């Protein structure tokens, strides 16, 4: 793992992050999509960080790993309302940047990836913003029935993309996280 600190925030790059980026770059055309996913992930996490900074909270660590980018080791010692804003800020950045891109007539891959990432992170799974927000608002984990209702359409989408030969690496990594949610 490659790690350094910037203004008190640890920034980590795991070996698997470089392995996935390297693998995808060898695949050619898919490398553009991976760059777009990483850009949208960075924008997403920047939304969380900006909201945290507005409330006077500094993140502890930003990790680049095989599944993308995540904030880790963050303890939010603030009101439930502020925690909800922080959790929603990443998705808000993705969805608003996609909207602006579409309004400017530049939609395309960037808008599609940004919308997908924003909505995907709102799903009610423990490792995603939606699941954490659910827990924040209710005091308990999302129920199995809600998680199953969200997981079924993802299975159909994954099967459809796999049959077309277009299953992205990021989808596989996200599916692994969802499987661990159980």
N, C-alpha and C. Protein backbone atom coordinates (compact mmCIF):
# COMPACT_ATOMS: atom_id res chain seq x y z
N UNK A 1 0.84 -1.17 0.00
CA UNK A 1 0.00 0.00 0.00
C UNK A 1 0.89 1.24 0.00
N UNK A 2 0.52 2.19 -0.82
CA UNK A 2 1.22 3.46 -0.91
C UNK A 2 0.40 4.49 -0.13
N UNK A 3 1.03 5.18 0.81
CA UNK A 3 0.28 6.09 1.68
C UNK A 3 1.10 7.33 1.99
N UNK A 4 0.42 8.48 2.05
CA UNK A 4 1.03 9.70 2.53
C UNK A 4 -0.07 10.55 3.17
N UNK A 5 0.32 11.63 3.79
CA UNK A 5 -0.64 12.48 4.48
C UNK A 5 -0.63 13.87 3.86
N UNK A 6 -1.81 14.46 3.70
CA UNK A 6 -1.95 15.80 3.15
C UNK A 6 -2.87 16.58 4.08
N UNK A 7 -2.32 17.58 4.74
CA UNK A 7 -3.08 18.42 5.68
C UNK A 7 -3.83 17.58 6.72
N UNK A 8 -3.17 16.53 7.20
CA UNK A 8 -3.75 15.69 8.24
C UNK A 8 -4.66 14.58 7.74
N UNK A 9 -4.86 14.48 6.43
CA UNK A 9 -5.70 13.44 5.85
C UNK A 9 -4.80 12.40 5.20
N UNK A 10 -4.95 11.13 5.62
CA UNK A 10 -4.19 10.06 5.00
C UNK A 10 -4.78 9.77 3.62
N UNK A 11 -3.91 9.62 2.64
CA UNK A 11 -4.33 9.25 1.29
C UNK A 11 -3.63 7.94 0.96
N UNK A 12 -4.45 6.91 0.68
CA UNK A 12 -3.92 5.57 0.45
C UNK A 12 -4.27 5.07 -0.95
N UNK A 13 -3.32 4.39 -1.55
CA UNK A 13 -3.54 3.69 -2.81
C UNK A 13 -3.19 2.23 -2.56
N UNK A 14 -4.17 1.33 -2.72
CA UNK A 14 -3.89 -0.08 -2.52
C UNK A 14 -3.31 -0.69 -3.79
N UNK A 15 -2.67 -1.81 -3.64
CA UNK A 15 -2.13 -2.52 -4.80
C UNK A 15 -3.24 -2.88 -5.78
N UNK A 16 -4.40 -3.30 -5.25
CA UNK A 16 -5.50 -3.72 -6.12
C UNK A 16 -6.04 -2.56 -6.96
N UNK A 17 -5.96 -1.34 -6.47
CA UNK A 17 -6.37 -0.19 -7.26
C UNK A 17 -5.52 -0.12 -8.53
N UNK A 18 -4.20 -0.20 -8.34
CA UNK A 18 -3.30 -0.15 -9.50
C UNK A 18 -3.47 -1.37 -10.40
N UNK A 19 -3.75 -2.52 -9.79
CA UNK A 19 -3.95 -3.75 -10.58
C UNK A 19 -5.18 -3.62 -11.48
N UNK A 20 -6.28 -3.11 -10.94
CA UNK A 20 -7.49 -2.94 -11.73
C UNK A 20 -7.28 -1.89 -12.82
N UNK A 21 -6.67 -0.76 -12.47
CA UNK A 21 -6.41 0.28 -13.47
C UNK A 21 -5.49 -0.27 -14.56
N UNK A 22 -4.46 -1.02 -14.17
CA UNK A 22 -3.56 -1.61 -15.15
C UNK A 22 -4.25 -2.61 -16.05
N UNK A 23 -5.05 -3.47 -15.47
CA UNK A 23 -5.79 -4.46 -16.24
C UNK A 23 -6.72 -3.80 -17.25
N UNK A 24 -7.44 -2.81 -16.80
CA UNK A 24 -8.39 -2.14 -17.67
C UNK A 24 -7.67 -1.35 -18.77
N UNK A 25 -6.54 -0.76 -18.45
CA UNK A 25 -5.81 -0.01 -19.48
C UNK A 25 -5.31 -0.92 -20.59
N UNK A 26 -5.05 -2.17 -20.25
CA UNK A 26 -4.64 -3.15 -21.26
C UNK A 26 -5.82 -3.51 -22.17
N UNK A 27 -7.03 -3.38 -21.63
CA UNK A 27 -8.21 -3.73 -22.40
C UNK A 27 -8.57 -2.70 -23.47
N UNK A 28 -7.93 -1.56 -23.48
CA UNK A 28 -8.15 -0.57 -24.54
C UNK A 28 -9.31 0.36 -24.28
N UNK A 29 -10.40 0.20 -25.04
CA UNK A 29 -11.52 1.13 -25.00
C UNK A 29 -12.12 1.27 -23.60
N UNK A 30 -12.06 0.23 -22.81
CA UNK A 30 -12.63 0.27 -21.47
C UNK A 30 -11.88 1.24 -20.56
N UNK A 31 -10.64 1.58 -20.90
CA UNK A 31 -9.87 2.47 -20.03
C UNK A 31 -10.52 3.84 -19.91
N UNK A 32 -11.18 4.31 -20.96
CA UNK A 32 -11.87 5.61 -20.90
C UNK A 32 -13.00 5.54 -19.87
N UNK A 33 -13.71 4.42 -19.85
CA UNK A 33 -14.81 4.27 -18.89
C UNK A 33 -14.28 4.20 -17.46
N UNK A 34 -13.16 3.54 -17.26
CA UNK A 34 -12.59 3.45 -15.92
C UNK A 34 -12.16 4.84 -15.45
N UNK A 35 -11.55 5.60 -16.33
CA UNK A 35 -11.16 6.98 -15.96
C UNK A 35 -12.39 7.79 -15.59
N UNK A 36 -13.48 7.61 -16.32
CA UNK A 36 -14.72 8.32 -16.04
C UNK A 36 -15.29 7.89 -14.68
N UNK A 37 -15.23 6.60 -14.39
CA UNK A 37 -15.71 6.09 -13.11
C UNK A 37 -14.87 6.66 -11.96
N UNK A 38 -13.55 6.68 -12.15
CA UNK A 38 -12.68 7.22 -11.11
C UNK A 38 -12.93 8.71 -10.90
N UNK A 39 -13.12 9.46 -11.98
CA UNK A 39 -13.42 10.88 -11.87
C UNK A 39 -14.73 11.09 -11.11
N UNK A 40 -15.77 10.35 -11.47
CA UNK A 40 -17.07 10.48 -10.79
C UNK A 40 -16.97 10.04 -9.33
N UNK A 41 -16.16 9.02 -9.04
CA UNK A 41 -15.95 8.58 -7.66
C UNK A 41 -15.24 9.67 -6.86
N UNK A 42 -14.23 10.27 -7.47
CA UNK A 42 -13.50 11.34 -6.80
C UNK A 42 -14.42 12.53 -6.53
N UNK A 43 -15.27 12.86 -7.50
CA UNK A 43 -16.24 13.95 -7.30
C UNK A 43 -17.21 13.59 -6.17
N UNK A 44 -17.65 12.35 -6.13
CA UNK A 44 -18.58 11.87 -5.10
C UNK A 44 -17.95 12.05 -3.70
N UNK A 45 -16.75 11.54 -3.54
CA UNK A 45 -16.08 11.65 -2.24
C UNK A 45 -15.75 13.09 -1.91
N UNK A 46 -15.47 13.90 -2.92
CA UNK A 46 -15.22 15.33 -2.69
C UNK A 46 -16.47 16.01 -2.14
N UNK A 47 -17.65 15.56 -2.58
CA UNK A 47 -18.90 16.10 -2.03
C UNK A 47 -19.00 15.82 -0.54
N UNK A 48 -18.68 14.59 -0.14
CA UNK A 48 -18.68 14.24 1.29
C UNK A 48 -17.67 15.11 2.05
N UNK A 49 -16.47 15.21 1.49
CA UNK A 49 -15.40 15.97 2.16
C UNK A 49 -15.78 17.44 2.29
N UNK A 50 -16.34 18.02 1.24
CA UNK A 50 -16.75 19.43 1.29
C UNK A 50 -17.81 19.64 2.38
N UNK A 51 -18.80 18.76 2.42
CA UNK A 51 -19.84 18.88 3.46
C UNK A 51 -19.23 18.74 4.85
N UNK A 52 -18.29 17.79 5.00
CA UNK A 52 -17.64 17.62 6.29
C UNK A 52 -16.89 18.88 6.69
N UNK A 53 -16.14 19.44 5.75
CA UNK A 53 -15.36 20.64 6.04
C UNK A 53 -16.27 21.82 6.39
N UNK A 54 -17.42 21.92 5.73
CA UNK A 54 -18.38 22.99 6.05
C UNK A 54 -18.86 22.88 7.50
N UNK A 55 -18.89 21.65 8.03
CA UNK A 55 -19.29 21.44 9.42
C UNK A 55 -18.10 21.34 10.36
N UNK A 56 -16.90 21.64 9.86
CA UNK A 56 -15.70 21.64 10.69
C UNK A 56 -15.16 20.27 11.02
N UNK A 57 -15.44 19.28 10.16
CA UNK A 57 -14.97 17.91 10.39
C UNK A 57 -13.98 17.55 9.29
N UNK A 58 -12.79 17.08 9.68
CA UNK A 58 -11.82 16.64 8.70
C UNK A 58 -11.87 15.12 8.56
N UNK A 59 -11.85 14.61 7.33
CA UNK A 59 -11.79 13.15 7.17
C UNK A 59 -10.43 12.64 7.62
N UNK A 60 -10.40 11.38 8.01
CA UNK A 60 -9.15 10.77 8.45
C UNK A 60 -8.38 10.14 7.30
N UNK A 61 -9.11 9.50 6.35
CA UNK A 61 -8.42 8.75 5.31
C UNK A 61 -9.26 8.66 4.03
N UNK A 62 -8.60 8.81 2.90
CA UNK A 62 -9.19 8.63 1.58
C UNK A 62 -8.44 7.48 0.94
N UNK A 63 -9.17 6.39 0.61
CA UNK A 63 -8.54 5.17 0.10
C UNK A 63 -8.97 4.90 -1.34
N UNK A 64 -7.99 4.70 -2.20
CA UNK A 64 -8.22 4.30 -3.58
C UNK A 64 -8.00 2.78 -3.61
N UNK A 65 -9.06 2.02 -3.91
CA UNK A 65 -8.99 0.57 -3.86
C UNK A 65 -9.64 -0.01 -5.12
N UNK A 66 -9.70 -1.32 -5.23
CA UNK A 66 -10.20 -1.97 -6.45
C UNK A 66 -11.63 -1.57 -6.79
N UNK A 67 -12.45 -1.26 -5.78
CA UNK A 67 -13.84 -0.89 -6.02
C UNK A 67 -14.05 0.58 -6.30
N UNK A 68 -13.01 1.38 -6.26
CA UNK A 68 -13.14 2.81 -6.51
C UNK A 68 -12.42 3.61 -5.45
N UNK A 69 -13.14 4.56 -4.86
CA UNK A 69 -12.57 5.46 -3.87
C UNK A 69 -13.53 5.52 -2.69
N UNK A 70 -12.99 5.51 -1.47
CA UNK A 70 -13.87 5.61 -0.31
C UNK A 70 -13.21 6.41 0.81
N UNK A 71 -14.07 7.02 1.60
CA UNK A 71 -13.63 7.65 2.83
C UNK A 71 -13.68 6.58 3.89
N UNK A 72 -12.66 6.49 4.70
CA UNK A 72 -12.67 5.49 5.76
C UNK A 72 -12.17 6.10 7.06
N UNK A 73 -12.52 5.43 8.13
CA UNK A 73 -12.07 5.88 9.44
C UNK A 73 -12.67 7.21 9.85
N UNK A 74 -13.88 7.51 9.34
CA UNK A 74 -14.49 8.79 9.65
C UNK A 74 -15.50 8.60 10.78
N UNK A 75 -15.32 9.35 11.85
CA UNK A 75 -16.29 9.37 12.93
C UNK A 75 -16.96 10.73 12.89
N UNK A 76 -18.25 10.74 12.62
CA UNK A 76 -18.97 11.99 12.50
C UNK A 76 -19.59 12.36 13.84
N UNK A 77 -18.90 13.23 14.55
CA UNK A 77 -19.41 13.69 15.84
C UNK A 77 -20.14 15.00 15.62
N UNK A 78 -21.39 14.87 15.17
CA UNK A 78 -22.23 16.04 14.92
C UNK A 78 -23.68 15.58 14.97
N UNK A 79 -24.59 16.50 14.76
CA UNK A 79 -26.02 16.17 14.84
C UNK A 79 -26.42 15.21 13.73
N UNK A 80 -27.54 14.53 13.92
CA UNK A 80 -28.05 13.59 12.92
C UNK A 80 -28.34 14.30 11.61
N UNK A 81 -28.83 15.51 11.68
CA UNK A 81 -29.10 16.29 10.46
C UNK A 81 -27.83 16.56 9.66
N UNK A 82 -26.76 16.93 10.35
CA UNK A 82 -25.49 17.17 9.67
C UNK A 82 -24.93 15.88 9.08
N UNK A 83 -25.05 14.78 9.82
CA UNK A 83 -24.58 13.49 9.29
C UNK A 83 -25.37 13.11 8.04
N UNK A 84 -26.67 13.38 8.03
CA UNK A 84 -27.49 13.09 6.85
C UNK A 84 -27.04 13.94 5.66
N UNK A 85 -26.76 15.20 5.90
CA UNK A 85 -26.28 16.09 4.82
C UNK A 85 -24.95 15.56 4.27
N UNK A 86 -24.06 15.17 5.16
CA UNK A 86 -22.75 14.65 4.74
C UNK A 86 -22.93 13.38 3.90
N UNK A 87 -23.82 12.49 4.34
CA UNK A 87 -24.05 11.24 3.60
C UNK A 87 -24.66 11.51 2.23
N UNK A 88 -25.53 12.48 2.12
CA UNK A 88 -26.19 12.79 0.85
C UNK A 88 -25.33 13.64 -0.09
N UNK A 89 -24.32 14.30 0.45
CA UNK A 89 -23.53 15.24 -0.35
C UNK A 89 -22.84 14.60 -1.55
N UNK A 90 -22.31 13.38 -1.39
CA UNK A 90 -21.64 12.71 -2.50
C UNK A 90 -22.58 12.44 -3.66
N UNK A 91 -23.75 11.89 -3.34
CA UNK A 91 -24.76 11.60 -4.38
C UNK A 91 -25.26 12.89 -5.00
N UNK A 92 -25.41 13.93 -4.18
CA UNK A 92 -25.86 15.22 -4.70
C UNK A 92 -24.87 15.79 -5.72
N UNK A 93 -23.59 15.63 -5.45
CA UNK A 93 -22.57 16.10 -6.41
C UNK A 93 -22.69 15.32 -7.71
N UNK A 94 -22.81 14.00 -7.63
CA UNK A 94 -22.94 13.18 -8.84
C UNK A 94 -24.18 13.56 -9.65
N UNK A 95 -25.31 13.64 -8.99
CA UNK A 95 -26.55 13.90 -9.71
C UNK A 95 -26.61 15.32 -10.25
N UNK A 96 -26.12 16.30 -9.49
CA UNK A 96 -26.14 17.68 -9.99
C UNK A 96 -25.14 17.89 -11.12
N UNK A 97 -23.98 17.25 -11.04
CA UNK A 97 -23.00 17.40 -12.14
C UNK A 97 -23.52 16.73 -13.41
N UNK A 98 -24.23 15.64 -13.28
CA UNK A 98 -24.84 14.99 -14.45
C UNK A 98 -25.91 15.89 -15.05
N UNK A 99 -26.74 16.48 -14.19
CA UNK A 99 -27.79 17.38 -14.65
C UNK A 99 -27.19 18.57 -15.40
N UNK A 100 -26.16 19.18 -14.84
CA UNK A 100 -25.49 20.32 -15.48
C UNK A 100 -24.90 19.89 -16.82
N UNK A 101 -24.26 18.73 -16.84
CA UNK A 101 -23.66 18.21 -18.07
C UNK A 101 -24.72 18.03 -19.15
N UNK A 102 -25.86 17.48 -18.79
CA UNK A 102 -26.95 17.26 -19.74
C UNK A 102 -27.51 18.60 -20.22
N UNK A 103 -27.68 19.55 -19.29
CA UNK A 103 -28.21 20.87 -19.66
C UNK A 103 -27.27 21.61 -20.61
N UNK A 104 -25.98 21.35 -20.49
CA UNK A 104 -25.00 21.99 -21.37
C UNK A 104 -24.84 21.23 -22.69
N UNK A 105 -25.59 20.14 -22.83
CA UNK A 105 -25.54 19.36 -24.06
C UNK A 105 -24.35 18.44 -24.16
N UNK A 106 -23.67 18.21 -23.04
CA UNK A 106 -22.47 17.40 -23.05
C UNK A 106 -22.67 16.06 -22.34
N UNK A 107 -23.91 15.68 -22.04
CA UNK A 107 -24.23 14.46 -21.29
C UNK A 107 -23.31 13.30 -21.51
N UNK A 108 -23.63 12.39 -22.37
CA UNK A 108 -22.81 11.25 -22.72
C UNK A 108 -22.40 10.36 -21.57
N UNK A 109 -21.21 9.80 -21.70
CA UNK A 109 -20.69 8.84 -20.72
C UNK A 109 -20.55 9.45 -19.33
N UNK A 110 -20.08 10.68 -19.27
CA UNK A 110 -19.91 11.32 -17.96
C UNK A 110 -21.23 11.39 -17.21
N UNK A 111 -22.27 11.86 -17.87
CA UNK A 111 -23.58 11.99 -17.22
C UNK A 111 -24.11 10.62 -16.81
N UNK A 112 -23.96 9.63 -17.69
CA UNK A 112 -24.47 8.28 -17.39
C UNK A 112 -23.75 7.68 -16.18
N UNK A 113 -22.44 7.79 -16.16
CA UNK A 113 -21.67 7.23 -15.04
C UNK A 113 -21.99 7.98 -13.75
N UNK A 114 -22.11 9.29 -13.84
CA UNK A 114 -22.38 10.10 -12.65
C UNK A 114 -23.76 9.79 -12.07
N UNK A 115 -24.77 9.65 -12.94
CA UNK A 115 -26.11 9.29 -12.48
C UNK A 115 -26.09 7.89 -11.87
N UNK A 116 -25.45 6.94 -12.55
CA UNK A 116 -25.39 5.57 -12.04
C UNK A 116 -24.71 5.52 -10.67
N UNK A 117 -23.59 6.23 -10.53
CA UNK A 117 -22.86 6.22 -9.26
C UNK A 117 -23.68 6.88 -8.16
N UNK A 118 -24.31 8.00 -8.47
CA UNK A 118 -25.13 8.69 -7.48
C UNK A 118 -26.29 7.84 -7.00
N UNK A 119 -27.02 7.23 -7.94
CA UNK A 119 -28.17 6.40 -7.57
C UNK A 119 -27.73 5.10 -6.89
N UNK A 120 -26.64 4.51 -7.39
CA UNK A 120 -26.13 3.26 -6.82
C UNK A 120 -25.77 3.46 -5.35
N UNK A 121 -25.16 4.58 -5.03
CA UNK A 121 -24.76 4.84 -3.65
C UNK A 121 -25.95 5.11 -2.73
N UNK A 122 -27.11 5.37 -3.30
CA UNK A 122 -28.31 5.58 -2.48
C UNK A 122 -29.01 4.27 -2.13
N UNK A 123 -28.51 3.15 -2.67
CA UNK A 123 -29.13 1.86 -2.37
C UNK A 123 -29.00 1.54 -0.87
N UNK A 124 -29.97 0.79 -0.33
CA UNK A 124 -30.02 0.55 1.13
C UNK A 124 -29.11 -0.57 1.62
N UNK A 125 -27.85 -0.51 1.27
CA UNK A 125 -26.89 -1.50 1.74
C UNK A 125 -25.93 -0.83 2.72
N UNK A 126 -25.54 -1.56 3.71
CA UNK A 126 -24.75 -1.05 4.82
C UNK A 126 -23.50 -0.28 4.38
N UNK A 127 -22.85 -0.70 3.32
CA UNK A 127 -21.59 -0.07 2.90
C UNK A 127 -21.82 1.15 2.00
N UNK A 128 -23.05 1.41 1.63
CA UNK A 128 -23.36 2.52 0.74
C UNK A 128 -24.01 3.66 1.53
N UNK A 129 -24.01 4.83 0.95
CA UNK A 129 -24.58 6.00 1.61
C UNK A 129 -26.05 5.79 1.97
N UNK A 130 -26.81 5.15 1.09
CA UNK A 130 -28.23 4.92 1.35
C UNK A 130 -28.46 4.07 2.58
N UNK A 131 -27.69 3.02 2.74
CA UNK A 131 -27.81 2.17 3.91
C UNK A 131 -27.39 2.87 5.18
N UNK A 132 -26.33 3.63 5.08
CA UNK A 132 -25.87 4.39 6.25
C UNK A 132 -26.88 5.48 6.63
N UNK A 133 -27.49 6.11 5.60
CA UNK A 133 -28.50 7.12 5.86
C UNK A 133 -29.73 6.48 6.52
N UNK A 134 -30.15 5.32 6.01
CA UNK A 134 -31.27 4.59 6.61
C UNK A 134 -30.99 4.33 8.09
N UNK A 135 -29.80 3.83 8.38
CA UNK A 135 -29.42 3.54 9.76
C UNK A 135 -29.40 4.81 10.60
N UNK A 136 -28.93 5.88 10.01
CA UNK A 136 -28.86 7.16 10.71
C UNK A 136 -30.25 7.66 11.09
N UNK A 137 -31.20 7.50 10.17
CA UNK A 137 -32.55 8.03 10.38
C UNK A 137 -33.42 7.12 11.25
N UNK A 138 -33.17 5.81 11.21
CA UNK A 138 -34.03 4.87 11.93
C UNK A 138 -33.37 4.25 13.16
N UNK A 139 -32.05 4.31 13.22
CA UNK A 139 -31.34 3.69 14.33
C UNK A 139 -31.11 2.20 14.16
N UNK A 140 -31.45 1.65 12.99
CA UNK A 140 -31.22 0.23 12.75
C UNK A 140 -30.80 0.01 11.30
N UNK A 141 -30.28 -1.18 11.03
CA UNK A 141 -29.86 -1.52 9.67
C UNK A 141 -31.07 -1.66 8.76
N UNK A 142 -30.89 -1.41 7.47
CA UNK A 142 -31.99 -1.63 6.52
C UNK A 142 -32.47 -3.08 6.60
N UNK A 143 -33.79 -3.30 6.60
CA UNK A 143 -34.30 -4.67 6.71
C UNK A 143 -33.96 -5.51 5.48
N UNK A 144 -33.89 -6.81 5.69
CA UNK A 144 -33.53 -7.74 4.61
C UNK A 144 -34.47 -7.63 3.42
N UNK A 145 -35.75 -7.42 3.66
CA UNK A 145 -36.72 -7.30 2.57
C UNK A 145 -36.42 -6.09 1.69
N UNK A 146 -36.07 -4.97 2.29
CA UNK A 146 -35.70 -3.77 1.53
C UNK A 146 -34.43 -4.01 0.73
N UNK A 147 -33.45 -4.64 1.35
CA UNK A 147 -32.19 -4.94 0.64
C UNK A 147 -32.45 -5.89 -0.52
N UNK A 148 -33.31 -6.89 -0.30
CA UNK A 148 -33.63 -7.86 -1.37
C UNK A 148 -34.37 -7.16 -2.51
N UNK A 149 -35.27 -6.25 -2.17
CA UNK A 149 -36.01 -5.51 -3.20
C UNK A 149 -35.08 -4.64 -4.05
N UNK A 150 -34.02 -4.14 -3.46
CA UNK A 150 -33.04 -3.35 -4.21
C UNK A 150 -32.07 -4.25 -4.97
N UNK A 151 -31.79 -5.43 -4.42
CA UNK A 151 -30.81 -6.33 -5.03
C UNK A 151 -31.34 -7.02 -6.28
N UNK A 152 -32.62 -7.35 -6.32
CA UNK A 152 -33.19 -8.06 -7.46
C UNK A 152 -33.03 -7.30 -8.78
N UNK A 153 -33.38 -6.01 -8.85
CA UNK A 153 -33.16 -5.29 -10.12
C UNK A 153 -31.68 -5.23 -10.50
N UNK A 154 -30.80 -5.18 -9.50
CA UNK A 154 -29.37 -5.17 -9.79
C UNK A 154 -28.93 -6.48 -10.43
N UNK A 155 -29.51 -7.59 -9.96
CA UNK A 155 -29.20 -8.90 -10.55
C UNK A 155 -29.64 -8.94 -12.01
N UNK A 156 -30.84 -8.43 -12.27
CA UNK A 156 -31.36 -8.40 -13.65
C UNK A 156 -30.46 -7.53 -14.52
N UNK A 157 -30.09 -6.35 -14.02
CA UNK A 157 -29.19 -5.46 -14.76
C UNK A 157 -27.84 -6.13 -15.01
N UNK A 158 -27.28 -6.75 -13.98
CA UNK A 158 -26.00 -7.44 -14.13
C UNK A 158 -26.07 -8.57 -15.13
N UNK A 159 -27.13 -9.35 -15.10
CA UNK A 159 -27.30 -10.44 -16.05
C UNK A 159 -27.42 -9.90 -17.47
N UNK A 160 -28.20 -8.84 -17.64
CA UNK A 160 -28.37 -8.24 -18.97
C UNK A 160 -27.05 -7.72 -19.54
N UNK A 161 -26.27 -7.03 -18.71
CA UNK A 161 -24.99 -6.51 -19.20
C UNK A 161 -23.99 -7.63 -19.45
N UNK A 162 -24.03 -8.67 -18.62
CA UNK A 162 -23.12 -9.81 -18.82
C UNK A 162 -23.45 -10.53 -20.12
N UNK A 163 -24.73 -10.68 -20.43
CA UNK A 163 -25.12 -11.34 -21.67
C UNK A 163 -24.70 -10.54 -22.90
N UNK A 164 -24.61 -9.23 -22.75
CA UNK A 164 -24.13 -8.38 -23.85
C UNK A 164 -22.60 -8.30 -23.85
N UNK A 165 -21.96 -8.91 -22.89
CA UNK A 165 -20.50 -8.89 -22.81
C UNK A 165 -19.95 -7.57 -22.34
N UNK A 166 -20.73 -6.84 -21.53
CA UNK A 166 -20.32 -5.50 -21.10
C UNK A 166 -20.25 -5.36 -19.58
N UNK A 167 -20.03 -6.42 -18.85
CA UNK A 167 -20.04 -6.34 -17.39
C UNK A 167 -18.78 -5.63 -16.90
N UNK A 168 -18.93 -4.41 -16.34
CA UNK A 168 -17.74 -3.67 -15.89
C UNK A 168 -17.15 -4.25 -14.61
N UNK A 169 -15.85 -4.07 -14.45
CA UNK A 169 -15.14 -4.53 -13.26
C UNK A 169 -15.73 -3.89 -12.01
N UNK A 170 -16.11 -2.61 -12.10
CA UNK A 170 -16.66 -1.92 -10.94
C UNK A 170 -17.97 -2.55 -10.48
N UNK A 171 -18.74 -3.10 -11.43
CA UNK A 171 -20.00 -3.75 -11.08
C UNK A 171 -19.72 -5.01 -10.26
N UNK A 172 -18.70 -5.74 -10.65
CA UNK A 172 -18.32 -6.96 -9.92
C UNK A 172 -17.86 -6.62 -8.51
N UNK A 173 -17.06 -5.56 -8.37
CA UNK A 173 -16.59 -5.13 -7.04
C UNK A 173 -17.77 -4.70 -6.17
N UNK A 174 -18.71 -3.97 -6.75
CA UNK A 174 -19.89 -3.53 -5.99
C UNK A 174 -20.74 -4.72 -5.58
N UNK A 175 -20.88 -5.69 -6.47
CA UNK A 175 -21.66 -6.90 -6.16
C UNK A 175 -21.03 -7.64 -4.97
N UNK A 176 -19.71 -7.66 -4.93
CA UNK A 176 -19.01 -8.31 -3.80
C UNK A 176 -19.32 -7.58 -2.49
N UNK A 177 -19.33 -6.25 -2.53
CA UNK A 177 -19.66 -5.48 -1.33
C UNK A 177 -21.08 -5.75 -0.86
N UNK A 178 -22.00 -5.82 -1.85
CA UNK A 178 -23.41 -6.08 -1.51
C UNK A 178 -23.54 -7.49 -0.90
N UNK A 179 -22.82 -8.46 -1.45
CA UNK A 179 -22.88 -9.82 -0.92
C UNK A 179 -22.37 -9.87 0.51
N UNK A 180 -21.39 -9.03 0.84
CA UNK A 180 -20.87 -8.98 2.21
C UNK A 180 -21.83 -8.29 3.17
N UNK A 181 -22.82 -7.59 2.64
CA UNK A 181 -23.74 -6.79 3.46
C UNK A 181 -24.60 -7.69 4.35
N UNK A 182 -24.92 -8.89 3.85
CA UNK A 182 -25.80 -9.84 4.50
C UNK A 182 -25.81 -9.84 5.95
